[in-house]
Amino acid sequence: MYHGDTEVLFPVRLIPSLRSLRGPRWQALVQRVQQRPPSSPEVLGFVLLMARLANCAGCSMDTFRAMRGCALCARRTVERFRGTDEDLEHLWRGAVEEITAFLLERGLLEEQTAP
C-alpha cells in the first residue's frame, strides 16, 4: 500500500503544518523558516533536523510510517519530541551550521552571518 504523501526526505511543503504543534519558541522558529527561500541554509537545516528526528533515512515504502505518509510522521515526530522547544532550536541551529559549512566548502554560498 503506497501513500501519495510519502517522499524520500522530509518535504519542505510540510513546514507550515508543524507550526502549531508546540510552544511560542517553536512557532517563531517555524515562522522564521517559512519566510526564507527553499534553498536557504535555514530551510535546508530544518529539513535536516526533521529528517534526523523522524529517521527519514530508515524509512522505506513498506514501513508503517511510509504507509501513513510524511505529514502524519512529521506531526507525530514533533509532538513526541521529549525535549524543549529550546532543544529543538539548538538542534536546528546545529543543522544550519552544518549545511552552511557544507555549502561554503563547495563554493555554493557566500560568507554570511549565522542564524
N, C-alpha and C. Protein backbone atom coordinates (compact mmCIF):
# COMPACT_ATOMS: atom_id res chain seq x y z
N MET A 1 0.85 -1.17 0.00
CA MET A 1 0.00 0.00 0.00
C MET A 1 0.90 1.24 0.00
N TYR A 2 0.79 2.05 -1.02
CA TYR A 2 1.61 3.26 -1.15
C TYR A 2 0.78 4.48 -0.80
N HIS A 3 1.34 5.38 -0.03
CA HIS A 3 0.66 6.63 0.33
C HIS A 3 1.25 7.74 -0.53
N GLY A 4 0.43 8.49 -1.19
CA GLY A 4 0.87 9.54 -2.10
C GLY A 4 1.60 10.69 -1.42
N ASP A 5 1.57 10.73 -0.09
CA ASP A 5 2.22 11.80 0.66
C ASP A 5 3.65 11.43 1.06
N THR A 6 4.12 10.27 0.69
CA THR A 6 5.42 9.78 1.13
C THR A 6 6.52 10.22 0.17
N GLU A 7 7.58 10.82 0.74
CA GLU A 7 8.73 11.26 -0.04
C GLU A 7 9.99 10.66 0.56
N VAL A 8 11.12 10.88 -0.08
CA VAL A 8 12.38 10.31 0.37
C VAL A 8 12.88 10.97 1.65
N LEU A 9 12.79 12.29 1.72
CA LEU A 9 13.18 13.06 2.90
C LEU A 9 12.03 13.96 3.30
N PHE A 10 12.15 14.56 4.47
CA PHE A 10 11.11 15.47 4.94
C PHE A 10 10.85 16.55 3.89
N PRO A 11 9.61 16.69 3.44
CA PRO A 11 9.29 17.68 2.40
C PRO A 11 9.10 19.10 2.95
N VAL A 12 9.71 20.06 2.30
CA VAL A 12 9.63 21.47 2.69
C VAL A 12 8.18 21.94 2.77
N ARG A 13 7.34 21.43 1.93
CA ARG A 13 5.94 21.86 1.89
C ARG A 13 5.20 21.62 3.21
N LEU A 14 5.74 20.75 4.06
CA LEU A 14 5.07 20.44 5.33
C LEU A 14 5.46 21.37 6.48
N ILE A 15 6.46 22.20 6.28
CA ILE A 15 6.94 23.06 7.37
C ILE A 15 5.80 23.87 8.00
N PRO A 16 4.97 24.58 7.24
CA PRO A 16 3.91 25.38 7.86
C PRO A 16 2.94 24.55 8.72
N SER A 17 2.72 23.31 8.36
CA SER A 17 1.76 22.47 9.09
C SER A 17 2.25 22.08 10.48
N LEU A 18 3.53 22.31 10.77
CA LEU A 18 4.09 21.94 12.07
C LEU A 18 4.07 23.08 13.08
N ARG A 19 3.71 24.24 12.64
CA ARG A 19 3.82 25.46 13.47
C ARG A 19 3.06 25.37 14.78
N SER A 20 1.86 24.91 14.77
CA SER A 20 1.01 24.95 15.97
C SER A 20 1.22 23.77 16.92
N LEU A 21 2.19 22.93 16.67
CA LEU A 21 2.34 21.71 17.46
C LEU A 21 3.06 21.88 18.78
N ARG A 22 3.74 23.00 18.95
CA ARG A 22 4.50 23.23 20.19
C ARG A 22 4.32 24.68 20.63
N GLY A 23 5.16 25.13 21.54
CA GLY A 23 5.03 26.44 22.15
C GLY A 23 5.48 27.60 21.28
N PRO A 24 5.49 28.80 21.87
CA PRO A 24 5.81 30.03 21.14
C PRO A 24 7.20 30.03 20.49
N ARG A 25 8.18 29.46 21.16
CA ARG A 25 9.54 29.46 20.58
C ARG A 25 9.59 28.61 19.32
N TRP A 26 8.95 27.44 19.35
CA TRP A 26 8.87 26.59 18.16
C TRP A 26 8.08 27.29 17.06
N GLN A 27 6.98 27.91 17.43
CA GLN A 27 6.15 28.61 16.45
C GLN A 27 6.94 29.72 15.77
N ALA A 28 7.74 30.45 16.55
CA ALA A 28 8.57 31.52 15.97
C ALA A 28 9.62 30.94 15.03
N LEU A 29 10.19 29.80 15.40
CA LEU A 29 11.19 29.15 14.54
C LEU A 29 10.56 28.74 13.21
N VAL A 30 9.43 28.08 13.28
CA VAL A 30 8.74 27.65 12.05
C VAL A 30 8.38 28.86 11.20
N GLN A 31 7.88 29.91 11.83
CA GLN A 31 7.52 31.13 11.09
C GLN A 31 8.76 31.70 10.39
N ARG A 32 9.85 31.76 11.10
CA ARG A 32 11.10 32.28 10.54
C ARG A 32 11.56 31.45 9.33
N VAL A 33 11.51 30.14 9.49
CA VAL A 33 11.96 29.25 8.42
C VAL A 33 11.05 29.35 7.20
N GLN A 34 9.75 29.44 7.43
CA GLN A 34 8.83 29.52 6.28
C GLN A 34 8.99 30.78 5.46
N GLN A 35 9.55 31.82 6.04
CA GLN A 35 9.73 33.08 5.32
C GLN A 35 10.99 33.10 4.47
N ARG A 36 11.82 32.09 4.59
CA ARG A 36 13.07 32.02 3.84
C ARG A 36 12.86 31.25 2.53
N PRO A 37 13.71 31.50 1.53
CA PRO A 37 13.61 30.74 0.28
C PRO A 37 13.92 29.25 0.53
N PRO A 38 13.33 28.36 -0.22
CA PRO A 38 13.52 26.93 0.00
C PRO A 38 14.98 26.45 -0.04
N SER A 39 15.83 27.15 -0.75
CA SER A 39 17.23 26.73 -0.85
C SER A 39 18.14 27.38 0.21
N SER A 40 17.56 28.13 1.13
CA SER A 40 18.36 28.81 2.16
C SER A 40 18.87 27.80 3.18
N PRO A 41 20.01 28.09 3.81
CA PRO A 41 20.52 27.20 4.86
C PRO A 41 19.53 27.00 6.00
N GLU A 42 18.70 28.00 6.30
CA GLU A 42 17.72 27.88 7.37
C GLU A 42 16.68 26.81 7.05
N VAL A 43 16.19 26.82 5.82
CA VAL A 43 15.20 25.82 5.41
C VAL A 43 15.85 24.45 5.27
N LEU A 44 17.01 24.40 4.64
CA LEU A 44 17.70 23.12 4.50
C LEU A 44 18.08 22.54 5.86
N GLY A 45 18.44 23.42 6.80
CA GLY A 45 18.72 22.97 8.16
C GLY A 45 17.48 22.39 8.84
N PHE A 46 16.33 22.98 8.57
CA PHE A 46 15.08 22.46 9.13
C PHE A 46 14.77 21.09 8.54
N VAL A 47 14.99 20.95 7.25
CA VAL A 47 14.78 19.64 6.60
C VAL A 47 15.72 18.60 7.21
N LEU A 48 16.97 18.98 7.40
CA LEU A 48 17.94 18.06 8.02
C LEU A 48 17.51 17.70 9.44
N LEU A 49 17.08 18.69 10.21
CA LEU A 49 16.60 18.45 11.57
C LEU A 49 15.46 17.43 11.56
N MET A 50 14.46 17.67 10.74
CA MET A 50 13.30 16.78 10.70
C MET A 50 13.67 15.40 10.17
N ALA A 51 14.55 15.35 9.17
CA ALA A 51 14.97 14.05 8.63
C ALA A 51 15.68 13.23 9.70
N ARG A 52 16.45 13.89 10.53
CA ARG A 52 17.14 13.18 11.61
C ARG A 52 16.16 12.75 12.70
N LEU A 53 15.29 13.66 13.12
CA LEU A 53 14.34 13.32 14.19
C LEU A 53 13.39 12.20 13.77
N ALA A 54 12.94 12.24 12.53
CA ALA A 54 11.98 11.24 12.05
C ALA A 54 12.66 10.01 11.48
N ASN A 55 13.98 10.04 11.40
CA ASN A 55 14.76 8.93 10.82
C ASN A 55 14.29 8.63 9.39
N CYS A 56 14.22 9.66 8.60
CA CYS A 56 13.79 9.51 7.20
C CYS A 56 14.68 8.53 6.43
N ALA A 57 15.97 8.49 6.77
CA ALA A 57 16.89 7.59 6.07
C ALA A 57 16.52 6.13 6.30
N GLY A 58 15.86 5.84 7.41
CA GLY A 58 15.47 4.46 7.71
C GLY A 58 14.07 4.10 7.24
N CYS A 59 13.43 5.03 6.59
CA CYS A 59 12.07 4.79 6.11
C CYS A 59 12.11 4.22 4.69
N SER A 60 11.27 3.24 4.45
CA SER A 60 11.15 2.71 3.09
C SER A 60 9.67 2.50 2.79
N MET A 61 9.36 2.30 1.56
CA MET A 61 7.97 2.26 1.11
C MET A 61 7.12 1.20 1.82
N ASP A 62 7.76 0.18 2.36
CA ASP A 62 6.97 -0.87 3.01
C ASP A 62 6.89 -0.71 4.53
N THR A 63 7.39 0.40 5.07
CA THR A 63 7.29 0.62 6.51
C THR A 63 5.93 1.23 6.84
N PHE A 64 5.54 1.03 8.08
CA PHE A 64 4.27 1.57 8.54
C PHE A 64 4.25 3.08 8.42
N ARG A 65 5.38 3.73 8.77
CA ARG A 65 5.46 5.20 8.66
C ARG A 65 5.21 5.66 7.24
N ALA A 66 5.84 5.01 6.28
CA ALA A 66 5.67 5.40 4.87
C ALA A 66 4.24 5.19 4.41
N MET A 67 3.64 4.14 4.91
CA MET A 67 2.26 3.86 4.50
C MET A 67 1.29 4.91 5.05
N ARG A 68 1.65 5.57 6.15
CA ARG A 68 0.79 6.61 6.74
C ARG A 68 1.09 7.98 6.14
N GLY A 69 2.27 8.15 5.54
CA GLY A 69 2.61 9.41 4.88
C GLY A 69 3.50 10.31 5.70
N CYS A 70 4.20 11.20 5.02
CA CYS A 70 5.14 12.11 5.66
C CYS A 70 4.47 13.12 6.58
N ALA A 71 3.30 13.60 6.22
CA ALA A 71 2.63 14.62 7.02
C ALA A 71 2.34 14.08 8.43
N LEU A 72 1.77 12.90 8.52
CA LEU A 72 1.47 12.33 9.83
C LEU A 72 2.74 11.99 10.59
N CYS A 73 3.72 11.45 9.90
CA CYS A 73 5.00 11.11 10.53
C CYS A 73 5.65 12.37 11.11
N ALA A 74 5.68 13.45 10.36
CA ALA A 74 6.30 14.70 10.82
C ALA A 74 5.56 15.26 12.03
N ARG A 75 4.25 15.25 11.97
CA ARG A 75 3.45 15.75 13.10
C ARG A 75 3.75 14.95 14.35
N ARG A 76 3.73 13.65 14.22
CA ARG A 76 3.99 12.78 15.38
C ARG A 76 5.41 12.95 15.90
N THR A 77 6.35 13.13 15.01
CA THR A 77 7.74 13.33 15.42
C THR A 77 7.88 14.58 16.27
N VAL A 78 7.29 15.67 15.84
CA VAL A 78 7.37 16.93 16.59
C VAL A 78 6.61 16.81 17.91
N GLU A 79 5.42 16.24 17.87
CA GLU A 79 4.62 16.10 19.08
C GLU A 79 5.28 15.20 20.12
N ARG A 80 5.96 14.18 19.67
CA ARG A 80 6.56 13.20 20.59
C ARG A 80 7.99 13.56 21.04
N PHE A 81 8.55 14.62 20.49
CA PHE A 81 9.89 15.02 20.90
C PHE A 81 9.87 15.34 22.39
N ARG A 82 10.76 14.71 23.14
CA ARG A 82 10.73 14.83 24.60
C ARG A 82 11.49 16.03 25.14
N GLY A 83 12.26 16.67 24.30
CA GLY A 83 12.99 17.85 24.75
C GLY A 83 12.11 19.10 24.71
N THR A 84 12.74 20.21 25.00
CA THR A 84 12.04 21.50 24.99
C THR A 84 12.09 22.13 23.59
N ASP A 85 11.36 23.20 23.44
CA ASP A 85 11.43 23.96 22.20
C ASP A 85 12.84 24.53 22.02
N GLU A 86 13.48 24.89 23.12
CA GLU A 86 14.85 25.39 23.08
C GLU A 86 15.79 24.30 22.57
N ASP A 87 15.55 23.05 22.98
CA ASP A 87 16.36 21.94 22.48
C ASP A 87 16.20 21.79 20.97
N LEU A 88 14.97 21.90 20.49
CA LEU A 88 14.73 21.81 19.05
C LEU A 88 15.42 22.95 18.31
N GLU A 89 15.34 24.14 18.87
CA GLU A 89 16.00 25.29 18.24
C GLU A 89 17.51 25.09 18.21
N HIS A 90 18.07 24.55 19.28
CA HIS A 90 19.50 24.27 19.33
C HIS A 90 19.89 23.23 18.27
N LEU A 91 19.10 22.19 18.13
CA LEU A 91 19.37 21.17 17.10
C LEU A 91 19.27 21.78 15.71
N TRP A 92 18.29 22.66 15.51
CA TRP A 92 18.13 23.33 14.21
C TRP A 92 19.34 24.20 13.91
N ARG A 93 19.80 24.98 14.89
CA ARG A 93 20.97 25.84 14.67
C ARG A 93 22.20 25.00 14.29
N GLY A 94 22.36 23.86 14.94
CA GLY A 94 23.47 22.97 14.59
C GLY A 94 23.35 22.46 13.16
N ALA A 95 22.13 22.12 12.76
CA ALA A 95 21.90 21.64 11.39
C ALA A 95 22.17 22.76 10.38
N VAL A 96 21.78 23.99 10.70
CA VAL A 96 22.04 25.13 9.82
C VAL A 96 23.55 25.35 9.68
N GLU A 97 24.27 25.23 10.79
CA GLU A 97 25.73 25.38 10.73
C GLU A 97 26.36 24.31 9.84
N GLU A 98 25.87 23.08 9.95
CA GLU A 98 26.38 22.01 9.09
C GLU A 98 26.11 22.29 7.62
N ILE A 99 24.91 22.69 7.32
CA ILE A 99 24.52 23.00 5.93
C ILE A 99 25.36 24.16 5.41
N THR A 100 25.50 25.20 6.22
CA THR A 100 26.28 26.38 5.81
C THR A 100 27.72 26.00 5.54
N ALA A 101 28.33 25.24 6.43
CA ALA A 101 29.73 24.80 6.24
C ALA A 101 29.87 23.98 4.97
N PHE A 102 28.92 23.10 4.72
CA PHE A 102 28.94 22.26 3.52
C PHE A 102 28.87 23.12 2.26
N LEU A 103 27.95 24.07 2.25
CA LEU A 103 27.79 24.93 1.07
C LEU A 103 28.98 25.86 0.87
N LEU A 104 29.52 26.40 1.95
CA LEU A 104 30.70 27.27 1.86
C LEU A 104 31.91 26.50 1.33
N GLU A 105 32.07 25.30 1.84
CA GLU A 105 33.21 24.45 1.43
C GLU A 105 33.19 24.18 -0.07
N ARG A 106 32.03 24.09 -0.63
CA ARG A 106 31.89 23.79 -2.05
C ARG A 106 31.68 25.03 -2.91
N GLY A 107 31.79 26.20 -2.29
CA GLY A 107 31.64 27.45 -3.03
C GLY A 107 30.23 27.71 -3.51
N LEU A 108 29.24 27.12 -2.84
CA LEU A 108 27.85 27.29 -3.24
C LEU A 108 27.13 28.37 -2.44
N LEU A 109 27.86 28.99 -1.51
CA LEU A 109 27.28 30.01 -0.66
C LEU A 109 28.35 31.02 -0.32
N GLU A 110 27.98 32.28 -0.31
CA GLU A 110 28.93 33.33 0.10
C GLU A 110 28.92 33.41 1.61
N GLU A 111 30.00 33.91 2.18
CA GLU A 111 30.11 34.07 3.63
C GLU A 111 28.95 34.91 4.14
N GLN A 112 28.32 34.46 5.24
CA GLN A 112 27.18 35.18 5.80
C GLN A 112 27.17 35.02 7.31
N THR A 113 26.26 35.74 7.95
CA THR A 113 26.16 35.63 9.40
C THR A 113 25.31 34.43 9.78
N ALA A 114 25.54 33.92 10.98
CA ALA A 114 24.80 32.75 11.47
C ALA A 114 23.36 33.14 11.77
N PRO A 115 22.45 32.14 11.77
CA PRO A 115 21.03 32.43 12.04
C PRO A 115 20.81 32.85 13.48
